[in-house]
Amino acid sequence: MAERRVIVDPPGEGGGRQVRVDAEFLGRAYSLHDLSVFLQRAGLEGVDEVDVMEHPLIEWHGGGPEVWEH
C-alpha cells in the first residue's frame, strides 16, 4: 500500500469523515480508531490511532486528525 494515497474528506453534516484509498471508498470514520481499522483492512497493517495522526500517506481535507464534527 506504500504507493497508494489515503484521503480523509472534511466532516459531513452528520459528523464523521469519508475515507478513500485512491478511488476506493472505505467508509465513514467517526474517530481515529475507525480510521485505523479501515486502513488495516485495506492492507496497512499495524497502524494505530497515533500512527494515523502523522502518517505520510494520509491527506487530511477540511481539518486535521482532531476534526470530526461539521
PDB file of N, CA and C in Angstrom:
ATOM      1  N   MET A   1       0.826  -1.200   0.000  1.00  0.00           N
ATOM      2  CA  MET A   1       0.000   0.000   0.000  1.00  0.00           C
ATOM      3  C   MET A   1       0.862   1.253   0.000  1.00  0.00           C
ATOM      4  N   ALA A   2       2.154   1.131   0.011  1.00  0.00           N
ATOM      5  CA  ALA A   2       3.048   2.274   0.160  1.00  0.00           C
ATOM      6  C   ALA A   2       2.870   3.332  -0.921  1.00  0.00           C
ATOM      7  N   GLU A   3       2.415   2.950  -2.098  1.00  0.00           N
ATOM      8  CA  GLU A   3       2.281   3.922  -3.169  1.00  0.00           C
ATOM      9  C   GLU A   3       0.857   4.438  -3.330  1.00  0.00           C
ATOM     10  N   ARG A   4      -0.035   4.005  -2.469  1.00  0.00           N
ATOM     11  CA  ARG A   4      -1.428   4.439  -2.558  1.00  0.00           C
ATOM     12  C   ARG A   4      -1.631   5.698  -1.738  1.00  0.00           C
ATOM     13  N   ARG A   5      -2.690   6.400  -2.030  1.00  0.00           N
ATOM     14  CA  ARG A   5      -2.999   7.670  -1.362  1.00  0.00           C
ATOM     15  C   ARG A   5      -4.271   7.525  -0.546  1.00  0.00           C
ATOM     16  N   VAL A   6      -4.223   7.923   0.712  1.00  0.00           N
ATOM     17  CA  VAL A   6      -5.384   7.878   1.597  1.00  0.00           C
ATOM     18  C   VAL A   6      -5.932   9.295   1.722  1.00  0.00           C
ATOM     19  N   ILE A   7      -7.220   9.451   1.430  1.00  0.00           N
ATOM     20  CA  ILE A   7      -7.879  10.752   1.528  1.00  0.00           C
ATOM     21  C   ILE A   7      -8.912  10.688   2.640  1.00  0.00           C
ATOM     22  N   VAL A   8      -8.821  11.623   3.578  1.00  0.00           N
ATOM     23  CA  VAL A   8      -9.831  11.766   4.623  1.00  0.00           C
ATOM     24  C   VAL A   8     -10.558  13.075   4.330  1.00  0.00           C
ATOM     25  N   ASP A   9     -11.816  12.952   3.888  1.00  0.00           N
ATOM     26  CA  ASP A   9     -12.606  14.115   3.487  1.00  0.00           C
ATOM     27  C   ASP A   9     -13.027  14.945   4.694  1.00  0.00           C
ATOM     28  N   PRO A  10     -13.481  16.187   4.454  1.00  0.00           N
ATOM     29  CA  PRO A  10     -13.964  17.033   5.551  1.00  0.00           C
ATOM     30  C   PRO A  10     -15.152  16.374   6.264  1.00  0.00           C
ATOM     31  N   PRO A  11     -15.374  16.746   7.512  1.00  0.00           N
ATOM     32  CA  PRO A  11     -16.526  16.196   8.240  1.00  0.00           C
ATOM     33  C   PRO A  11     -17.828  16.498   7.513  1.00  0.00           C
ATOM     34  N   GLY A  12     -18.746  15.522   7.525  1.00  0.00           N
ATOM     35  CA  GLY A  12     -20.052  15.685   6.900  1.00  0.00           C
ATOM     36  C   GLY A  12     -21.050  16.297   7.862  1.00  0.00           C
ATOM     37  N   GLU A  13     -22.243  16.549   7.365  1.00  0.00           N
ATOM     38  CA  GLU A  13     -23.316  17.150   8.169  1.00  0.00           C
ATOM     39  C   GLU A  13     -23.611  16.359   9.438  1.00  0.00           C
ATOM     40  N   GLY A  14     -23.629  15.033   9.335  1.00  0.00           N
ATOM     41  CA  GLY A  14     -23.945  14.190  10.483  1.00  0.00           C
ATOM     42  C   GLY A  14     -22.724  13.794  11.295  1.00  0.00           C
ATOM     43  N   GLY A  15     -21.584  14.388  10.999  1.00  0.00           N
ATOM     44  CA  GLY A  15     -20.348  14.015  11.663  1.00  0.00           C
ATOM     45  C   GLY A  15     -19.641  12.919  10.899  1.00  0.00           C
ATOM     46  N   GLY A  16     -18.455  12.643  11.276  1.00  0.00           N
ATOM     47  CA  GLY A  16     -17.665  11.624  10.603  1.00  0.00           C
ATOM     48  C   GLY A  16     -17.075  12.132   9.297  1.00  0.00           C
ATOM     49  N   ARG A  17     -16.106  11.387   8.790  1.00  0.00           N
ATOM     50  CA  ARG A  17     -15.386  11.780   7.584  1.00  0.00           C
ATOM     51  C   ARG A  17     -15.278  10.577   6.650  1.00  0.00           C
ATOM     52  N   GLN A  18     -15.571  10.797   5.380  1.00  0.00           N
ATOM     53  CA  GLN A  18     -15.426   9.729   4.395  1.00  0.00           C
ATOM     54  C   GLN A  18     -13.940   9.458   4.187  1.00  0.00           C
ATOM     55  N   VAL A  19     -13.623   8.172   4.043  1.00  0.00           N
ATOM     56  CA  VAL A  19     -12.238   7.749   3.867  1.00  0.00           C
ATOM     57  C   VAL A  19     -12.126   6.974   2.565  1.00  0.00           C
ATOM     58  N   ARG A  20     -11.135   7.360   1.760  1.00  0.00           N
ATOM     59  CA  ARG A  20     -10.884   6.689   0.483  1.00  0.00           C
ATOM     60  C   ARG A  20      -9.406   6.324   0.387  1.00  0.00           C
ATOM     61  N   VAL A  21      -9.140   5.213  -0.260  1.00  0.00           N
ATOM     62  CA  VAL A  21      -7.789   4.870  -0.669  1.00  0.00           C
ATOM     63  C   VAL A  21      -7.822   4.912  -2.179  1.00  0.00           C
ATOM     64  N   ASP A  22      -7.111   5.876  -2.739  1.00  0.00           N
ATOM     65  CA  ASP A  22      -7.209   6.178  -4.161  1.00  0.00           C
ATOM     66  C   ASP A  22      -8.685   6.454  -4.455  1.00  0.00           C
ATOM     67  N   ALA A  23      -9.308   5.744  -5.358  1.00  0.00           N
ATOM     68  CA  ALA A  23     -10.721   5.994  -5.678  1.00  0.00           C
ATOM     69  C   ALA A  23     -11.665   5.073  -4.915  1.00  0.00           C
ATOM     70  N   GLU A  24     -11.134   4.161  -4.097  1.00  0.00           N
ATOM     71  CA  GLU A  24     -11.959   3.188  -3.381  1.00  0.00           C
ATOM     72  C   GLU A  24     -12.467   3.753  -2.059  1.00  0.00           C
ATOM     73  N   PHE A  25     -13.788   3.799  -1.902  1.00  0.00           N
ATOM     74  CA  PHE A  25     -14.413   4.277  -0.672  1.00  0.00           C
ATOM     75  C   PHE A  25     -14.319   3.184   0.387  1.00  0.00           C
ATOM     76  N   LEU A  26     -13.728   3.510   1.544  1.00  0.00           N
ATOM     77  CA  LEU A  26     -13.590   2.533   2.616  1.00  0.00           C
ATOM     78  C   LEU A  26     -14.702   2.633   3.646  1.00  0.00           C
ATOM     79  N   GLY A  27     -15.252   3.831   3.814  1.00  0.00           N
ATOM     80  CA  GLY A  27     -16.312   4.017   4.795  1.00  0.00           C
ATOM     81  C   GLY A  27     -16.262   5.401   5.409  1.00  0.00           C
ATOM     82  N   ARG A  28     -17.111   5.601   6.421  1.00  0.00           N
ATOM     83  CA  ARG A  28     -17.151   6.876   7.133  1.00  0.00           C
ATOM     84  C   ARG A  28     -16.583   6.642   8.526  1.00  0.00           C
ATOM     85  N   ALA A  29     -15.510   7.348   8.825  1.00  0.00           N
ATOM     86  CA  ALA A  29     -14.853   7.228  10.128  1.00  0.00           C
ATOM     87  C   ALA A  29     -15.364   8.325  11.055  1.00  0.00           C
ATOM     88  N   TYR A  30     -15.589   7.956  12.295  1.00  0.00           N
ATOM     89  CA  TYR A  30     -16.044   8.908  13.308  1.00  0.00           C
ATOM     90  C   TYR A  30     -14.975   9.160  14.360  1.00  0.00           C
ATOM     91  N   SER A  31     -13.812   8.531  14.176  1.00  0.00           N
ATOM     92  CA  SER A  31     -12.716   8.686  15.135  1.00  0.00           C
ATOM     93  C   SER A  31     -11.420   8.187  14.501  1.00  0.00           C
ATOM     94  N   LEU A  32     -10.312   8.464  15.177  1.00  0.00           N
ATOM     95  CA  LEU A  32      -9.031   7.946  14.720  1.00  0.00           C
ATOM     96  C   LEU A  32      -9.011   6.418  14.764  1.00  0.00           C
ATOM     97  N   HIS A  33      -9.700   5.851  15.732  1.00  0.00           N
ATOM     98  CA  HIS A  33      -9.777   4.387  15.816  1.00  0.00           C
ATOM     99  C   HIS A  33     -10.456   3.818  14.571  1.00  0.00           C
ATOM    100  N   ASP A  34     -11.596   4.393  14.179  1.00  0.00           N
ATOM    101  CA  ASP A  34     -12.288   3.944  12.964  1.00  0.00           C
ATOM    102  C   ASP A  34     -11.350   4.009  11.764  1.00  0.00           C
ATOM    103  N   LEU A  35     -10.647   5.115  11.631  1.00  0.00           N
ATOM    104  CA  LEU A  35      -9.739   5.299  10.505  1.00  0.00           C
ATOM    105  C   LEU A  35      -8.650   4.226  10.519  1.00  0.00           C
ATOM    106  N   SER A  36      -8.069   3.957  11.679  1.00  0.00           N
ATOM    107  CA  SER A  36      -7.014   2.945  11.748  1.00  0.00           C
ATOM    108  C   SER A  36      -7.551   1.565  11.372  1.00  0.00           C
ATOM    109  N   VAL A  37      -8.781   1.238  11.764  1.00  0.00           N
ATOM    110  CA  VAL A  37      -9.383  -0.047  11.397  1.00  0.00           C
ATOM    111  C   VAL A  37      -9.563  -0.132   9.883  1.00  0.00           C
ATOM    112  N   PHE A  38     -10.076   0.917   9.260  1.00  0.00           N
ATOM    113  CA  PHE A  38     -10.249   0.922   7.801  1.00  0.00           C
ATOM    114  C   PHE A  38      -8.913   0.682   7.104  1.00  0.00           C
ATOM    115  N   LEU A  39      -7.878   1.365   7.561  1.00  0.00           N
ATOM    116  CA  LEU A  39      -6.574   1.253   6.913  1.00  0.00           C
ATOM    117  C   LEU A  39      -5.958  -0.130   7.107  1.00  0.00           C
ATOM    118  N   GLN A  40      -6.167  -0.720   8.275  1.00  0.00           N
ATOM    119  CA  GLN A  40      -5.676  -2.085   8.494  1.00  0.00           C
ATOM    120  C   GLN A  40      -6.358  -3.051   7.539  1.00  0.00           C
ATOM    121  N   ARG A  41      -7.678  -2.883   7.367  1.00  0.00           N
ATOM    122  CA  ARG A  41      -8.421  -3.746   6.443  1.00  0.00           C
ATOM    123  C   ARG A  41      -7.970  -3.554   5.000  1.00  0.00           C
ATOM    124  N   ALA A  42      -7.490  -2.340   4.683  1.00  0.00           N
ATOM    125  CA  ALA A  42      -7.027  -2.041   3.323  1.00  0.00           C
ATOM    126  C   ALA A  42      -5.584  -2.484   3.098  1.00  0.00           C
ATOM    127  N   GLY A  43      -4.949  -3.058   4.136  1.00  0.00           N
ATOM    128  CA  GLY A  43      -3.609  -3.600   3.947  1.00  0.00           C
ATOM    129  C   GLY A  43      -2.486  -2.863   4.639  1.00  0.00           C
ATOM    130  N   LEU A  44      -2.774  -1.798   5.348  1.00  0.00           N
ATOM    131  CA  LEU A  44      -1.742  -1.063   6.072  1.00  0.00           C
ATOM    132  C   LEU A  44      -1.692  -1.624   7.494  1.00  0.00           C
ATOM    133  N   GLU A  45      -1.001  -2.740   7.628  1.00  0.00           N
ATOM    134  CA  GLU A  45      -1.007  -3.489   8.883  1.00  0.00           C
ATOM    135  C   GLU A  45      -0.264  -2.763  10.002  1.00  0.00           C
ATOM    136  N   GLY A  46      -0.765  -2.955  11.209  1.00  0.00           N
ATOM    137  CA  GLY A  46      -0.098  -2.429  12.393  1.00  0.00           C
ATOM    138  C   GLY A  46      -0.299  -0.947  12.649  1.00  0.00           C
ATOM    139  N   VAL A  47      -1.114  -0.277  11.859  1.00  0.00           N
ATOM    140  CA  VAL A  47      -1.332   1.153  12.059  1.00  0.00           C
ATOM    141  C   VAL A  47      -2.333   1.340  13.207  1.00  0.00           C
ATOM    142  N   ASP A  48      -2.070   2.315  14.080  1.00  0.00           N
ATOM    143  CA  ASP A  48      -2.993   2.584  15.175  1.00  0.00           C
ATOM    144  C   ASP A  48      -3.364   4.066  15.187  1.00  0.00           C
ATOM    145  N   GLU A  49      -4.099   4.496  16.215  1.00  0.00           N
ATOM    146  CA  GLU A  49      -4.599   5.874  16.279  1.00  0.00           C
ATOM    147  C   GLU A  49      -3.475   6.903  16.255  1.00  0.00           C
ATOM    148  N   VAL A  50      -2.371   6.609  16.913  1.00  0.00           N
ATOM    149  CA  VAL A  50      -1.237   7.536  16.933  1.00  0.00           C
ATOM    150  C   VAL A  50      -0.606   7.621  15.549  1.00  0.00           C
ATOM    151  N   ASP A  51      -0.465   6.480  14.891  1.00  0.00           N
ATOM    152  CA  ASP A  51       0.147   6.451  13.559  1.00  0.00           C
ATOM    153  C   ASP A  51      -0.632   7.286  12.546  1.00  0.00           C
ATOM    154  N   VAL A  52      -1.963   7.184  12.568  1.00  0.00           N
ATOM    155  CA  VAL A  52      -2.751   7.869  11.536  1.00  0.00           C
ATOM    156  C   VAL A  52      -2.686   9.385  11.672  1.00  0.00           C
ATOM    157  N   MET A  53      -2.359   9.882  12.842  1.00  0.00           N
ATOM    158  CA  MET A  53      -2.277  11.333  13.030  1.00  0.00           C
ATOM    159  C   MET A  53      -1.163  11.955  12.191  1.00  0.00           C
ATOM    160  N   GLU A  54      -0.087  11.195  11.945  1.00  0.00           N
ATOM    161  CA  GLU A  54       1.063  11.758  11.237  1.00  0.00           C
ATOM    162  C   GLU A  54       1.540  10.906  10.068  1.00  0.00           C
ATOM    163  N   HIS A  55       0.733   9.945   9.644  1.00  0.00           N
ATOM    164  CA  HIS A  55       1.158   9.038   8.578  1.00  0.00           C
ATOM    165  C   HIS A  55       1.330   9.807   7.267  1.00  0.00           C
ATOM    166  N   PRO A  56       2.449   9.624   6.573  1.00  0.00           N
ATOM    167  CA  PRO A  56       2.712  10.390   5.345  1.00  0.00           C
ATOM    168  C   PRO A  56       1.779  10.071   4.172  1.00  0.00           C
ATOM    169  N   LEU A  57       1.097   8.940   4.193  1.00  0.00           N
ATOM    170  CA  LEU A  57       0.189   8.593   3.095  1.00  0.00           C
ATOM    171  C   LEU A  57      -1.174   9.254   3.217  1.00  0.00           C
ATOM    172  N   ILE A  58      -1.479   9.824   4.388  1.00  0.00           N
ATOM    173  CA  ILE A  58      -2.826  10.334   4.641  1.00  0.00           C
ATOM    174  C   ILE A  58      -2.903  11.825   4.330  1.00  0.00           C
ATOM    175  N   GLU A  59      -3.872  12.183   3.496  1.00  0.00           N
ATOM    176  CA  GLU A  59      -4.166  13.585   3.186  1.00  0.00           C
ATOM    177  C   GLU A  59      -5.435  13.968   3.937  1.00  0.00           C
ATOM    178  N   TRP A  60      -5.315  14.933   4.827  1.00  0.00           N
ATOM    179  CA  TRP A  60      -6.454  15.405   5.614  1.00  0.00           C
ATOM    180  C   TRP A  60      -7.062  16.612   4.914  1.00  0.00           C
ATOM    181  N   HIS A  61      -8.305  16.512   4.486  1.00  0.00           N
ATOM    182  CA  HIS A  61      -9.001  17.621   3.829  1.00  0.00           C
ATOM    183  C   HIS A  61     -10.032  18.186   4.805  1.00  0.00           C
ATOM    184  N   GLY A  62     -10.092  19.495   4.925  1.00  0.00           N
ATOM    185  CA  GLY A  62     -11.100  20.130   5.780  1.00  0.00           C
ATOM    186  C   GLY A  62     -10.805  20.006   7.264  1.00  0.00           C
ATOM    187  N   GLY A  63      -9.554  19.967   7.622  1.00  0.00           N
ATOM    188  CA  GLY A  63      -9.159  19.865   9.023  1.00  0.00           C
ATOM    189  C   GLY A  63      -8.303  18.633   9.244  1.00  0.00           C
ATOM    190  N   GLY A  64      -7.495  18.677  10.267  1.00  0.00           N
ATOM    191  CA  GLY A  64      -6.590  17.587  10.566  1.00  0.00           C
ATOM    192  C   GLY A  64      -7.235  16.482  11.388  1.00  0.00           C
ATOM    193  N   PRO A  65      -6.412  15.654  11.988  1.00  0.00           N
ATOM    194  CA  PRO A  65      -6.905  14.487  12.707  1.00  0.00           C
ATOM    195  C   PRO A  65      -7.717  14.786  13.955  1.00  0.00           C
ATOM    196  N   GLU A  66      -7.737  16.015  14.384  1.00  0.00           N
ATOM    197  CA  GLU A  66      -8.524  16.386  15.568  1.00  0.00           C
ATOM    198  C   GLU A  66      -9.939  16.837  15.218  1.00  0.00           C
ATOM    199  N   VAL A  67     -10.276  16.961  13.935  1.00  0.00           N
ATOM    200  CA  VAL A  67     -11.573  17.479  13.500  1.00  0.00           C
ATOM    201  C   VAL A  67     -12.463  16.341  13.011  1.00  0.00           C
ATOM    202  N   TRP A  68     -13.580  16.095  13.734  1.00  0.00           N
ATOM    203  CA  TRP A  68     -14.508  15.027  13.367  1.00  0.00           C
ATOM    204  C   TRP A  68     -15.947  15.497  13.271  1.00  0.00           C
ATOM    205  N   GLU A  69     -16.220  16.695  13.680  1.00  0.00           N
ATOM    206  CA  GLU A  69     -17.585  17.248  13.637  1.00  0.00           C
ATOM    207  C   GLU A  69     -17.642  18.346  12.589  1.00  0.00           C
ATOM    208  N   HIS A  70     -18.803  18.517  11.975  1.00  0.00           N
ATOM    209  CA  HIS A  70     -19.025  19.571  10.967  1.00  0.00           C
ATOM    210  C   HIS A  70     -19.200  20.902  11.652  1.00  0.00           C
TER     211      HIS A  70
END
